[in-house]
Amino acid sequence: MINTVPSFHFSETQVTPRLNDQTTENKQSCLVRIYPAGVSGSLIPLTHRRLTIGRDQTCDLEVNDDFMSRMHAVLELTEGGYLLSDCNSRNGTIVNDKQITSLILRPGDQIRLGNHIFKFLSSDHVEAHYHEAVYEMMTLDAMTNLYNRRYFEDAFRREVLRSQRHSRQLSLLIFDIDRFKQINDKYGHLVGDEVLKALSARVRGRVRGDEIVARIGGEEFAVVLVETSKMNARLVAESLCELVRSSPLLPDRPDLITTISVGGVHTNGLELLSEQDLISQADQQLYLAKTSGRDCVRFD
């Protein structure tokens, strides 16, 4: 259903939409799908003047996404550049976290259509920028700009080995948003996404630069605290709970009160525990926090 007509060549799999009326623009332009993550099919070269995007099979770029409209948006080359226009979609077209009706795209713009996030690239160095985007995609969660689970697992494994090698203290916190499904059911999926982003920004501002903060699941997050005592790690966990509950995450929705539950585990590096052992222990503590009434900390 998709014909491959690449305008430039990368080693990763490319996806070229069904199009006619090839463009003669000198600059190389493309969309890179950065969420959901996955290198295969992430590159969409813009080799033509007009691209229709949606979940209908008649669209030039057909995307299997229930939160995208059948005809969601149109990307068209104009004298001013590529113009992105919303087609009265159900969930809107969002560029750099702002809903738009139509907008001339700039290199690096992030476009959200339903559950998909794309980055627009257009420059003489688009190949280098593409590989940068792929690196970000493989290490960062595009929704929250925190590290993703893949990066977390690799980094945490290294920290566990370093802790055992040098007998360094290490703590892991795992937390999730209480009753997040109810938030999605009551306010809608897009508001739920805004809660995830706002919470991530708030937590990122609380931790130190050498600490790892990652989104490891839908509404589940992890914080790795290096050379931190058990007492201080517990204080960090309690401060995160207070930080989230202290004020609404979304100022325009003061009735939406959000809390988190936190499970923690600590090692002094003397125990020969694997990273999976520590993750399992932290998960168990999180379970105890959830069954103890939520909005609290349980620490092993």
Protein backbone atom coordinates (compact mmCIF):
# COMPACT_ATOMS: atom_id res chain seq x y z
CA MET A 1 0.00 0.00 0.00
CA ILE A 2 3.04 2.28 0.46
CA ASN A 3 5.45 2.80 -2.41
CA THR A 4 9.08 3.46 -1.61
CA VAL A 5 10.48 6.42 -3.53
CA PRO A 6 13.29 7.77 -1.31
CA SER A 7 14.86 11.13 -2.05
CA PHE A 8 17.95 10.33 0.02
CA HIS A 9 19.35 7.21 1.62
CA PHE A 10 19.75 6.07 5.22
CA SER A 11 20.50 2.62 6.56
CA GLU A 12 17.27 2.50 8.60
CA THR A 13 13.96 1.51 7.03
CA GLN A 14 12.19 4.40 5.36
CA VAL A 15 8.50 4.93 4.74
CA THR A 16 7.52 6.97 1.73
CA PRO A 17 3.83 7.80 1.38
CA ARG A 18 1.68 7.33 -1.71
CA LEU A 19 1.92 10.65 -3.56
CA ASN A 20 1.91 12.35 -6.91
CA ASP A 21 3.18 15.79 -8.03
CA GLN A 22 6.79 15.51 -6.97
CA THR A 23 8.34 18.62 -5.44
CA THR A 24 11.43 20.35 -6.79
CA GLU A 25 12.38 21.90 -3.45
CA ASN A 26 16.17 22.03 -3.07
CA LYS A 27 16.24 21.35 0.64
CA GLN A 28 15.71 17.85 1.87
CA SER A 29 12.68 17.68 4.15
CA CYS A 30 11.18 14.82 6.13
CA LEU A 31 9.07 13.82 9.06
CA VAL A 32 10.55 11.51 11.68
CA ARG A 33 8.14 9.53 13.81
CA ILE A 34 9.58 9.78 17.31
CA TYR A 35 6.58 8.38 19.20
CA PRO A 36 5.68 5.55 19.39
CA ALA A 37 9.36 4.74 19.31
CA GLY A 38 10.81 2.41 16.70
CA VAL A 39 13.43 2.92 14.02
CA SER A 40 11.64 0.82 11.40
CA GLY A 41 9.33 3.04 9.40
CA SER A 42 10.29 6.17 11.33
CA LEU A 43 11.44 8.23 8.35
CA ILE A 44 8.95 9.83 5.94
CA PRO A 45 10.76 11.81 3.21
CA LEU A 46 8.71 14.75 1.88
CA THR A 47 9.39 14.29 -1.81
CA HIS A 48 6.07 15.74 -2.97
CA ARG A 49 4.15 18.96 -2.57
CA ARG A 50 1.15 17.64 -0.66
CA LEU A 51 0.74 15.00 2.02
CA THR A 52 -2.59 14.01 3.58
CA ILE A 53 -2.34 12.30 6.96
CA GLY A 54 -4.97 10.25 8.77
CA ARG A 55 -6.20 6.77 9.52
CA ASP A 56 -8.27 6.43 6.35
CA GLN A 57 -6.76 4.20 3.68
CA THR A 58 -7.20 6.98 1.11
CA CYS A 59 -4.69 9.22 2.94
CA ASP A 60 -1.21 9.57 1.51
CA LEU A 61 0.18 8.69 4.95
CA GLU A 62 -2.16 6.16 6.55
CA VAL A 63 -1.59 5.84 10.32
CA ASN A 64 -3.20 3.17 12.45
CA ASP A 65 -4.19 5.33 15.43
CA ASP A 66 -7.70 5.38 16.90
CA PHE A 67 -7.11 8.89 18.29
CA MET A 68 -6.39 10.24 14.82
CA SER A 69 -9.25 11.33 12.54
CA ARG A 70 -9.82 9.65 9.20
CA MET A 71 -8.55 12.79 7.47
CA HIS A 72 -6.56 14.48 10.22
CA ALA A 73 -4.15 16.98 8.65
CA VAL A 74 -2.57 18.14 5.41
CA LEU A 75 1.07 19.10 4.90
CA GLU A 76 1.60 21.21 1.78
CA LEU A 77 4.62 22.95 0.29
CA THR A 78 4.02 26.70 -0.19
CA GLU A 79 6.25 29.64 -1.04
CA GLY A 80 6.80 30.18 2.68
CA GLY A 81 7.65 26.57 3.39
CA TYR A 82 5.68 23.50 4.47
CA LEU A 83 2.23 24.51 5.73
CA LEU A 84 0.55 22.14 8.17
CA SER A 85 -3.25 22.47 8.32
CA ASP A 86 -5.72 20.69 10.58
CA CYS A 87 -8.74 19.13 8.85
CA ASN A 88 -11.25 19.76 11.68
CA SER A 89 -9.89 16.68 13.40
CA ARG A 90 -11.51 15.32 16.54
CA ASN A 91 -8.43 15.68 18.80
CA GLY A 92 -6.73 18.55 17.01
CA THR A 93 -3.28 19.09 15.51
CA ILE A 94 -0.67 20.14 18.04
CA VAL A 95 2.73 21.69 17.26
CA ASN A 96 5.20 22.22 20.11
CA ASP A 97 2.41 21.64 22.66
CA LYS A 98 0.08 24.25 21.11
CA GLN A 99 -3.05 23.41 19.13
CA ILE A 100 -2.99 24.95 15.68
CA THR A 101 -5.34 25.46 12.76
CA SER A 102 -2.55 26.05 10.24
CA LEU A 103 1.13 26.83 10.65
CA ILE A 104 4.30 27.10 8.58
CA LEU A 105 6.65 24.53 10.08
CA ARG A 106 10.16 25.27 11.23
CA PRO A 107 12.99 22.71 11.41
CA GLY A 108 12.79 20.82 14.68
CA ASP A 109 9.06 21.39 15.25
CA GLN A 110 7.29 18.54 17.03
CA ILE A 111 3.89 17.63 15.61
CA ARG A 112 1.33 15.66 17.56
CA LEU A 113 -1.45 13.89 15.67
CA GLY A 114 -3.49 11.57 17.87
CA ASN A 115 -1.08 9.30 19.71
CA HIS A 116 1.74 9.91 17.23
CA ILE A 117 4.50 12.50 17.51
CA PHE A 118 6.60 13.52 14.51
CA LYS A 119 9.58 15.83 14.19
CA PHE A 120 9.86 18.03 11.10
CA LEU A 121 13.35 18.26 9.60
CA SER A 122 14.37 20.54 6.75
CA SER A 123 17.97 21.62 6.16
CA ASP A 124 21.09 20.95 4.19
CA HIS A 125 22.18 18.64 7.02
CA VAL A 126 18.97 16.68 7.38
CA GLU A 127 20.76 13.32 7.48
CA ALA A 128 22.77 14.32 10.56
CA HIS A 129 19.66 15.76 12.17
CA TYR A 130 17.77 12.58 11.36
CA HIS A 131 20.31 10.45 13.17
CA GLU A 132 20.16 12.86 16.12
CA ALA A 133 16.37 12.44 16.14
CA VAL A 134 16.72 8.65 16.05
CA TYR A 135 19.20 8.76 18.96
CA GLU A 136 16.74 10.87 20.95
CA MET A 137 13.95 8.49 20.02
CA MET A 138 15.95 5.55 21.31
CA THR A 139 16.86 7.24 24.63
CA LEU A 140 14.11 9.78 25.38
CA ASP A 141 10.38 9.44 25.82
CA ALA A 142 8.93 11.93 23.36
CA MET A 143 5.79 12.50 25.44
CA THR A 144 7.60 13.64 28.60
CA ASN A 145 11.20 14.31 27.47
CA LEU A 146 12.38 12.03 30.25
CA TYR A 147 14.62 9.03 29.60
CA ASN A 148 12.74 6.00 28.30
CA ARG A 149 12.73 2.47 29.70
CA ARG A 150 15.49 1.25 27.41
CA TYR A 151 17.87 3.96 28.57
CA PHE A 152 16.84 3.47 32.20
CA GLU A 153 17.56 -0.27 32.15
CA ASP A 154 21.01 0.21 30.59
CA ALA A 155 21.95 3.11 32.89
CA PHE A 156 20.64 1.42 36.03
CA ARG A 157 22.56 -1.76 35.22
CA ARG A 158 25.77 0.29 35.00
CA GLU A 159 25.02 2.04 38.30
CA VAL A 160 24.37 -1.27 40.07
CA LEU A 161 27.70 -2.67 38.86
CA ARG A 162 29.48 0.55 39.89
CA SER A 163 27.81 0.40 43.30
CA GLN A 164 29.04 -3.15 43.88
CA ARG A 165 32.51 -2.46 42.55
CA HIS A 166 33.08 0.58 44.78
CA SER A 167 30.67 -0.19 47.66
CA ARG A 168 28.65 2.91 46.85
CA GLN A 169 25.16 3.56 48.11
CA LEU A 170 22.43 3.44 45.49
CA SER A 171 18.66 3.93 45.71
CA LEU A 172 15.85 3.33 43.28
CA LEU A 173 12.41 4.92 43.46
CA ILE A 174 9.53 3.70 41.33
CA PHE A 175 6.29 5.67 41.38
CA ASP A 176 3.08 5.91 39.44
CA ILE A 177 0.10 8.23 39.24
CA ASP A 178 -2.78 7.24 41.48
CA ARG A 179 -6.06 6.41 39.72
CA PHE A 180 -4.69 7.53 36.37
CA LYS A 181 -7.30 5.49 34.48
CA GLN A 182 -10.01 7.50 36.20
CA ILE A 183 -8.33 10.70 35.01
CA ASN A 184 -8.37 9.43 31.42
CA ASP A 185 -11.97 8.25 31.73
CA LYS A 186 -13.25 11.51 33.25
CA TYR A 187 -11.22 14.14 31.40
CA GLY A 188 -10.14 12.35 28.24
CA HIS A 189 -6.97 10.85 26.87
CA LEU A 190 -5.36 14.15 25.84
CA VAL A 191 -5.80 15.66 29.30
CA GLY A 192 -4.20 12.51 30.70
CA ASP A 193 -1.22 13.14 28.44
CA GLU A 194 -1.00 16.74 29.70
CA VAL A 195 -0.92 15.38 33.26
CA LEU A 196 1.99 13.09 32.33
CA LYS A 197 3.94 15.98 30.81
CA ALA A 198 3.24 18.39 33.68
CA LEU A 199 4.18 15.81 36.31
CA SER A 200 7.39 14.98 34.46
CA ALA A 201 8.40 18.64 34.28
CA ARG A 202 7.72 19.09 37.99
CA VAL A 203 9.70 16.01 39.00
CA ARG A 204 12.59 16.85 36.65
CA GLY A 205 12.95 20.20 38.40
CA ARG A 206 13.27 18.48 41.79
CA VAL A 207 16.09 15.99 41.15
CA ARG A 208 19.80 16.68 40.75
CA GLY A 209 21.54 16.70 37.42
CA ASP A 210 23.40 13.44 38.11
CA GLU A 211 20.21 11.55 38.97
CA ILE A 212 18.32 9.53 36.37
CA VAL A 213 14.60 10.16 35.88
CA ALA A 214 12.79 7.94 33.39
CA ARG A 215 9.31 7.06 32.23
CA ILE A 216 9.29 3.27 32.33
CA GLY A 217 5.62 2.58 31.61
CA GLY A 218 2.33 4.28 30.81
CA GLU A 219 2.06 6.24 34.07
CA GLU A 220 5.04 4.67 35.83
CA PHE A 221 8.34 6.43 36.46
CA ALA A 222 11.72 5.66 38.01
CA VAL A 223 14.34 7.77 39.77
CA VAL A 224 17.89 6.49 40.34
CA LEU A 225 19.69 8.19 43.24
CA VAL A 226 23.47 7.70 43.19
CA GLU A 227 25.50 7.89 46.43
CA THR A 228 22.40 8.69 48.43
CA SER A 229 21.68 7.27 51.89
CA LYS A 230 18.48 5.37 52.58
CA MET A 231 17.24 8.17 54.81
CA ASN A 232 17.86 10.83 52.16
CA ALA A 233 16.32 8.65 49.46
CA ARG A 234 13.17 8.33 51.57
CA LEU A 235 13.15 12.12 52.02
CA VAL A 236 13.36 12.54 48.24
CA ALA A 237 10.47 10.12 47.78
CA GLU A 238 8.31 11.94 50.34
CA SER A 239 9.19 15.29 48.77
CA LEU A 240 8.05 14.00 45.37
CA CYS A 241 4.68 13.05 46.85
CA GLU A 242 4.36 16.51 48.38
CA LEU A 243 5.53 18.17 45.18
CA VAL A 244 2.77 16.50 43.15
CA ARG A 245 -0.06 16.94 45.66
CA SER A 246 0.83 20.52 46.61
CA SER A 247 -0.93 22.19 43.69
CA PRO A 248 -2.84 21.16 40.54
CA LEU A 249 -0.58 19.97 37.75
CA LEU A 250 -2.81 21.72 35.21
CA PRO A 251 -3.63 25.31 36.33
CA ASP A 252 -6.65 25.49 34.03
CA ARG A 253 -8.13 22.40 35.73
CA PRO A 254 -7.93 23.13 39.48
CA ASP A 255 -10.42 20.34 40.21
CA LEU A 256 -8.01 17.73 38.86
CA ILE A 257 -6.07 16.71 41.97
CA THR A 258 -3.19 14.34 41.28
CA THR A 259 -1.19 12.19 43.70
CA ILE A 260 1.50 9.55 43.34
CA SER A 261 2.54 6.43 45.22
CA VAL A 262 6.24 5.62 45.62
CA GLY A 263 8.12 2.39 46.27
CA GLY A 264 11.83 2.50 47.10
CA VAL A 265 14.79 0.22 47.59
CA HIS A 266 18.34 0.92 48.79
CA THR A 267 21.64 -0.93 48.58
CA ASN A 268 25.07 -0.14 49.99
CA GLY A 269 26.75 -2.13 47.23
CA LEU A 270 27.73 -5.01 49.52
CA GLU A 271 24.75 -7.17 48.58
CA LEU A 272 25.15 -9.03 45.31
CA LEU A 273 21.78 -8.01 43.92
CA SER A 274 21.12 -7.65 40.21
CA GLU A 275 19.34 -4.66 38.73
CA GLN A 276 16.29 -6.88 38.23
CA ASP A 277 16.33 -7.86 41.92
CA LEU A 278 16.28 -4.20 42.91
CA ILE A 279 13.57 -3.30 40.39
CA SER A 280 11.41 -6.18 41.67
CA GLN A 281 11.87 -5.05 45.28
CA ALA A 282 10.97 -1.47 44.41
CA ASP A 283 7.92 -2.72 42.49
CA GLN A 284 6.83 -4.70 45.56
CA GLN A 285 7.16 -1.61 47.74
CA LEU A 286 5.11 0.36 45.21
CA TYR A 287 2.42 -2.31 45.43
CA LEU A 288 2.39 -1.92 49.22
CA ALA A 289 2.08 1.85 48.86
CA LYS A 290 -0.90 1.41 46.50
CA THR A 291 -2.63 -1.05 48.84
CA SER A 292 -1.93 1.18 51.87
CA GLY A 293 -4.15 3.95 50.59
CA ARG A 294 -1.96 5.60 47.91
CA ASP A 295 -0.29 9.03 48.09
CA CYS A 296 2.42 7.59 50.31
CA VAL A 297 5.92 6.06 50.35
CA ARG A 298 6.96 2.50 51.16
CA PHE A 299 10.67 1.76 51.40
CA ASP A 300 12.58 -1.50 51.73
